[in-house]
Every structure is written in structure tokens, then in C-alpha cells.
Amino acid sequence: MRKSSLIGIGAAVGGLLAYLFDPDRGRSRRARLSDQAAARSRDFTATMRQTAEYQKGVAKGIIHDASEVFRPDNVYDDETLMQKVRSEALGYWDGSESIEIDITDGKVELSGTVRDPASHDQLLSLIRDVEGVGLIDDRLRVGS
């Protein structure tokens, strides 16, 4: 059994060598085989490059999704936060004409005068309930 396997392998190798080194067509067969090998190598390289680019995009997506976990849900710029405070808080409070609001880096600074302590507490409560408000610097005066 082993001897017949070696004879078969030897015959296959001999046939391949005769095919490739035939004096009439061997040169074109070797050139074609070389071209086919180079084309397969280029195709493999292109496929690997595409796969690497795709996986790079997948990794960027995973990093982006993971960064969303650590980012606050709603971060507003100062101008947007000012509009939110005016519409959501002062819109429901009836003494807004004597109040001045300044917002810097998400910190709300209140100045002006409110009528009574109840109005003061109501205003602060309304502003605290606005989404995006962090600190409140209360410089309000109670009284006329």
C-alpha cells in the first residue's frame, strides 16, 4: 500500500513537471500559472484590506457607543439653556419682569427682586426643574 502511494505521488509530480516544462508550451503555462498566483494574491490582499477597514469602522462604532455611556444625556450650550429657563421656568412665574438671568458654563446666576419668600422659593424650584441646569447662584432680593 505504501509503495503504491509513493508511485502515485511520483507519477503526479512527474506529470506536473512535464506539463510545466514542456518545450513547446511550458513557458506560457508557467507564465499563466504565475499570473494566476499574482492575481489571487492581489485579490486576497484587497479582501484583507477591505476587511481591516470594515473592522476599523466597527471598532470606531463600539468606541462611540461606549463613550455615550459616560457622556451626560443632555448638555446644552448657554444660549439654549437661557431659552429653556425663560420658557420653562419664567413662563410659569408671574413676576419675571424684575428678574435678570445670566448663564455661564451652565451656571445660572439670578439677580433682581422678588415680592415675597414664597415667590422666591417657587422661582428657584421652577429653575431647578429645568433640564440642563446645574448650579444656581441666587442673588435675588426679597421685597420691593
C-alpha atoms as a PDB file:
ATOM      1  CA  MET A   1       0.000   0.000   0.000  1.00  0.00           C
ATOM      2  CA  ARG A   2       2.746   2.421   0.874  1.00  0.00           C
ATOM      3  CA  LYS A   3       4.709   1.621  -2.240  1.00  0.00           C
ATOM      4  CA  SER A   4       1.705   2.265  -4.474  1.00  0.00           C
ATOM      5  CA  SER A   5       1.092   5.635  -2.797  1.00  0.00           C
ATOM      6  CA  LEU A   6       4.667   6.697  -3.457  1.00  0.00           C
ATOM      7  CA  ILE A   7       4.389   5.590  -7.073  1.00  0.00           C
ATOM      8  CA  GLY A   8       1.146   7.605  -7.458  1.00  0.00           C
ATOM      9  CA  ILE A   9       2.688  10.727  -5.905  1.00  0.00           C
ATOM     10  CA  GLY A  10       5.800  10.326  -8.063  1.00  0.00           C
ATOM     11  CA  ALA A  11       3.679   9.975 -11.196  1.00  0.00           C
ATOM     12  CA  ALA A  12       1.687  13.125 -10.288  1.00  0.00           C
ATOM     13  CA  VAL A  13       4.831  15.153  -9.680  1.00  0.00           C
ATOM     14  CA  GLY A  14       6.352  13.844 -12.903  1.00  0.00           C
ATOM     15  CA  GLY A  15       3.218  14.731 -14.868  1.00  0.00           C
ATOM     16  CA  LEU A  16       3.172  18.235 -13.360  1.00  0.00           C
ATOM     17  CA  LEU A  17       6.821  18.795 -14.219  1.00  0.00           C
ATOM     18  CA  ALA A  18       6.256  17.519 -17.759  1.00  0.00           C
ATOM     19  CA  TYR A  19       3.263  19.852 -18.071  1.00  0.00           C
ATOM     20  CA  LEU A  20       5.174  22.906 -16.837  1.00  0.00           C
ATOM     21  CA  PHE A  21       8.469  22.231 -18.569  1.00  0.00           C
ATOM     22  CA  ASP A  22       7.125  21.063 -21.936  1.00  0.00           C
ATOM     23  CA  PRO A  23       9.485  22.510 -24.594  1.00  0.00           C
ATOM     24  CA  ASP A  24       6.605  23.801 -26.756  1.00  0.00           C
ATOM     25  CA  ARG A  25       4.075  25.217 -24.270  1.00  0.00           C
ATOM     26  CA  GLY A  26       5.836  25.106 -20.880  1.00  0.00           C
ATOM     27  CA  ARG A  27       6.871  28.738 -20.895  1.00  0.00           C
ATOM     28  CA  SER A  28       3.288  30.026 -21.492  1.00  0.00           C
ATOM     29  CA  ARG A  29       1.894  27.580 -18.915  1.00  0.00           C
ATOM     30  CA  ARG A  30       4.386  28.783 -16.293  1.00  0.00           C
ATOM     31  CA  ALA A  31       3.609  32.432 -17.143  1.00  0.00           C
ATOM     32  CA  ARG A  32      -0.140  31.799 -16.888  1.00  0.00           C
ATOM     33  CA  LEU A  33       0.329  29.984 -13.553  1.00  0.00           C
ATOM     34  CA  SER A  34       2.464  32.871 -12.294  1.00  0.00           C
ATOM     35  CA  ASP A  35      -0.151  35.440 -13.416  1.00  0.00           C
ATOM     36  CA  GLN A  36      -2.953  33.474 -11.750  1.00  0.00           C
ATOM     37  CA  ALA A  37      -0.981  33.244  -8.499  1.00  0.00           C
ATOM     38  CA  ALA A  38      -0.280  37.002  -8.581  1.00  0.00           C
ATOM     39  CA  ALA A  39      -3.954  37.757  -9.264  1.00  0.00           C
ATOM     40  CA  ARG A  40      -5.064  35.557  -6.351  1.00  0.00           C
ATOM     41  CA  SER A  41      -2.515  37.270  -4.135  1.00  0.00           C
ATOM     42  CA  ARG A  42      -3.829  40.721  -5.162  1.00  0.00           C
ATOM     43  CA  ASP A  43      -7.422  39.603  -4.578  1.00  0.00           C
ATOM     44  CA  PHE A  44      -6.508  38.231  -1.156  1.00  0.00           C
ATOM     45  CA  THR A  45      -4.683  41.465  -0.251  1.00  0.00           C
ATOM     46  CA  ALA A  46      -7.643  43.586  -1.380  1.00  0.00           C
ATOM     47  CA  THR A  47     -10.058  41.417   0.584  1.00  0.00           C
ATOM     48  CA  MET A  48      -7.892  41.668   3.707  1.00  0.00           C
ATOM     49  CA  ARG A  49      -7.632  45.444   3.288  1.00  0.00           C
ATOM     50  CA  GLN A  50     -11.435  45.755   2.957  1.00  0.00           C
ATOM     51  CA  THR A  51     -11.957  43.528   5.978  1.00  0.00           C
ATOM     52  CA  ALA A  52      -9.487  45.602   8.001  1.00  0.00           C
ATOM     53  CA  GLU A  53     -11.254  48.850   7.011  1.00  0.00           C
ATOM     54  CA  TYR A  54     -14.625  47.362   7.941  1.00  0.00           C
ATOM     55  CA  GLN A  55     -13.339  46.176  11.319  1.00  0.00           C
ATOM     56  CA  LYS A  56     -11.809  49.616  11.877  1.00  0.00           C
ATOM     57  CA  GLY A  57     -15.269  51.125  11.364  1.00  0.00           C
ATOM     58  CA  VAL A  58     -16.815  48.570  13.711  1.00  0.00           C
ATOM     59  CA  ALA A  59     -14.242  49.462  16.370  1.00  0.00           C
ATOM     60  CA  LYS A  60     -14.963  53.186  15.938  1.00  0.00           C
ATOM     61  CA  GLY A  61     -18.665  52.469  16.354  1.00  0.00           C
ATOM     62  CA  ILE A  62     -18.074  50.487  19.528  1.00  0.00           C
ATOM     63  CA  ILE A  63     -15.907  53.273  20.931  1.00  0.00           C
ATOM     64  CA  HIS A  64     -18.569  55.842  20.035  1.00  0.00           C
ATOM     65  CA  ASP A  65     -21.316  53.784  21.677  1.00  0.00           C
ATOM     66  CA  ALA A  66     -19.186  53.252  24.760  1.00  0.00           C
ATOM     67  CA  SER A  67     -18.433  56.965  25.045  1.00  0.00           C
ATOM     68  CA  GLU A  68     -22.169  57.697  25.094  1.00  0.00           C
ATOM     69  CA  VAL A  69     -22.371  55.845  28.425  1.00  0.00           C
ATOM     70  CA  PHE A  70     -20.020  58.332  30.074  1.00  0.00           C
ATOM     71  CA  ARG A  71     -21.427  61.474  28.445  1.00  0.00           C
ATOM     72  CA  PRO A  72     -24.261  63.326  30.188  1.00  0.00           C
ATOM     73  CA  ASP A  73     -27.583  62.872  28.449  1.00  0.00           C
ATOM     74  CA  ASN A  74     -28.416  66.492  27.758  1.00  0.00           C
ATOM     75  CA  VAL A  75     -25.697  69.099  27.774  1.00  0.00           C
ATOM     76  CA  TYR A  76     -26.898  72.444  26.476  1.00  0.00           C
ATOM     77  CA  ASP A  77     -24.908  75.477  25.470  1.00  0.00           C
ATOM     78  CA  ASP A  78     -25.527  78.654  27.482  1.00  0.00           C
ATOM     79  CA  GLU A  79     -27.812  80.282  24.903  1.00  0.00           C
ATOM     80  CA  THR A  80     -30.034  77.215  24.629  1.00  0.00           C
ATOM     81  CA  LEU A  81     -30.131  76.847  28.401  1.00  0.00           C
ATOM     82  CA  MET A  82     -31.149  80.506  28.692  1.00  0.00           C
ATOM     83  CA  GLN A  83     -34.063  79.920  26.319  1.00  0.00           C
ATOM     84  CA  LYS A  84     -35.079  76.814  28.261  1.00  0.00           C
ATOM     85  CA  VAL A  85     -35.019  78.689  31.598  1.00  0.00           C
ATOM     86  CA  ARG A  86     -37.051  81.580  30.180  1.00  0.00           C
ATOM     87  CA  SER A  87     -39.665  79.367  28.561  1.00  0.00           C
ATOM     88  CA  GLU A  88     -39.900  76.547  31.116  1.00  0.00           C
ATOM     89  CA  ALA A  89     -39.381  78.425  34.378  1.00  0.00           C
ATOM     90  CA  LEU A  90     -40.174  82.101  33.887  1.00  0.00           C
ATOM     91  CA  GLY A  91     -43.081  81.296  31.601  1.00  0.00           C
ATOM     92  CA  TYR A  92     -44.947  79.833  34.603  1.00  0.00           C
ATOM     93  CA  TRP A  93     -43.918  82.512  37.093  1.00  0.00           C
ATOM     94  CA  ASP A  94     -45.779  85.800  37.286  1.00  0.00           C
ATOM     95  CA  GLY A  95     -43.051  88.223  38.451  1.00  0.00           C
ATOM     96  CA  SER A  96     -40.443  87.777  35.748  1.00  0.00           C
ATOM     97  CA  GLU A  97     -40.062  91.385  34.696  1.00  0.00           C
ATOM     98  CA  SER A  98     -37.826  92.255  37.678  1.00  0.00           C
ATOM     99  CA  ILE A  99     -35.505  89.248  37.322  1.00  0.00           C
ATOM    100  CA  GLU A 100     -32.201  89.189  35.445  1.00  0.00           C
ATOM    101  CA  ILE A 101     -30.671  85.888  34.389  1.00  0.00           C
ATOM    102  CA  ASP A 102     -27.087  85.277  33.333  1.00  0.00           C
ATOM    103  CA  ILE A 103     -25.826  81.823  32.371  1.00  0.00           C
ATOM    104  CA  THR A 104     -22.132  80.987  32.137  1.00  0.00           C
ATOM    105  CA  ASP A 105     -20.908  77.416  31.567  1.00  0.00           C
ATOM    106  CA  GLY A 106     -24.271  76.022  32.695  1.00  0.00           C
ATOM    107  CA  LYS A 107     -24.299  78.019  35.952  1.00  0.00           C
ATOM    108  CA  VAL A 108     -27.439  80.146  36.332  1.00  0.00           C
ATOM    109  CA  GLU A 109     -26.988  83.487  38.073  1.00  0.00           C
ATOM    110  CA  LEU A 110     -30.161  85.195  39.250  1.00  0.00           C
ATOM    111  CA  SER A 111     -30.382  88.820  40.308  1.00  0.00           C
ATOM    112  CA  GLY A 112     -33.221  91.209  40.871  1.00  0.00           C
ATOM    113  CA  THR A 113     -36.098  91.489  43.278  1.00  0.00           C
ATOM    114  CA  VAL A 114     -38.987  89.162  44.109  1.00  0.00           C
ATOM    115  CA  ARG A 115     -42.128  90.103  46.031  1.00  0.00           C
ATOM    116  CA  ASP A 116     -42.037  87.615  48.902  1.00  0.00           C
ATOM    117  CA  PRO A 117     -40.249  84.492  50.154  1.00  0.00           C
ATOM    118  CA  ALA A 118     -42.893  82.207  48.610  1.00  0.00           C
ATOM    119  CA  SER A 119     -42.268  83.699  45.134  1.00  0.00           C
ATOM    120  CA  HIS A 120     -38.531  83.299  45.705  1.00  0.00           C
ATOM    121  CA  ASP A 121     -38.893  79.610  46.585  1.00  0.00           C
ATOM    122  CA  GLN A 122     -41.281  78.992  43.682  1.00  0.00           C
ATOM    123  CA  LEU A 123     -38.871  80.603  41.194  1.00  0.00           C
ATOM    124  CA  LEU A 124     -35.885  78.599  42.428  1.00  0.00           C
ATOM    125  CA  SER A 125     -37.924  75.390  42.279  1.00  0.00           C
ATOM    126  CA  LEU A 126     -39.028  76.094  38.703  1.00  0.00           C
ATOM    127  CA  ILE A 127     -35.443  76.830  37.596  1.00  0.00           C
ATOM    128  CA  ARG A 128     -34.059  73.698  39.304  1.00  0.00           C
ATOM    129  CA  ASP A 129     -36.608  71.601  37.386  1.00  0.00           C
ATOM    130  CA  VAL A 130     -35.295  72.807  34.010  1.00  0.00           C
ATOM    131  CA  GLU A 131     -33.277  70.048  32.395  1.00  0.00           C
ATOM    132  CA  GLY A 132     -29.630  71.038  31.993  1.00  0.00           C
ATOM    133  CA  VAL A 133     -29.465  73.488  34.909  1.00  0.00           C
ATOM    134  CA  GLY A 134     -26.551  72.662  37.194  1.00  0.00           C
ATOM    135  CA  LEU A 135     -25.668  75.270  39.776  1.00  0.00           C
ATOM    136  CA  ILE A 136     -27.800  78.279  40.674  1.00  0.00           C
ATOM    137  CA  ASP A 137     -26.169  81.422  42.036  1.00  0.00           C
ATOM    138  CA  ASP A 138     -29.050  83.061  43.907  1.00  0.00           C
ATOM    139  CA  ARG A 139     -28.537  86.845  44.254  1.00  0.00           C
ATOM    140  CA  LEU A 140     -32.235  87.642  44.456  1.00  0.00           C
ATOM    141  CA  ARG A 141     -33.551  90.147  46.984  1.00  0.00           C
ATOM    142  CA  VAL A 142     -36.902  89.668  48.661  1.00  0.00           C
ATOM    143  CA  GLY A 143     -39.073  92.758  48.988  1.00  0.00           C
ATOM    144  CA  SER A 144     -39.885  95.798  46.885  1.00  0.00           C
END
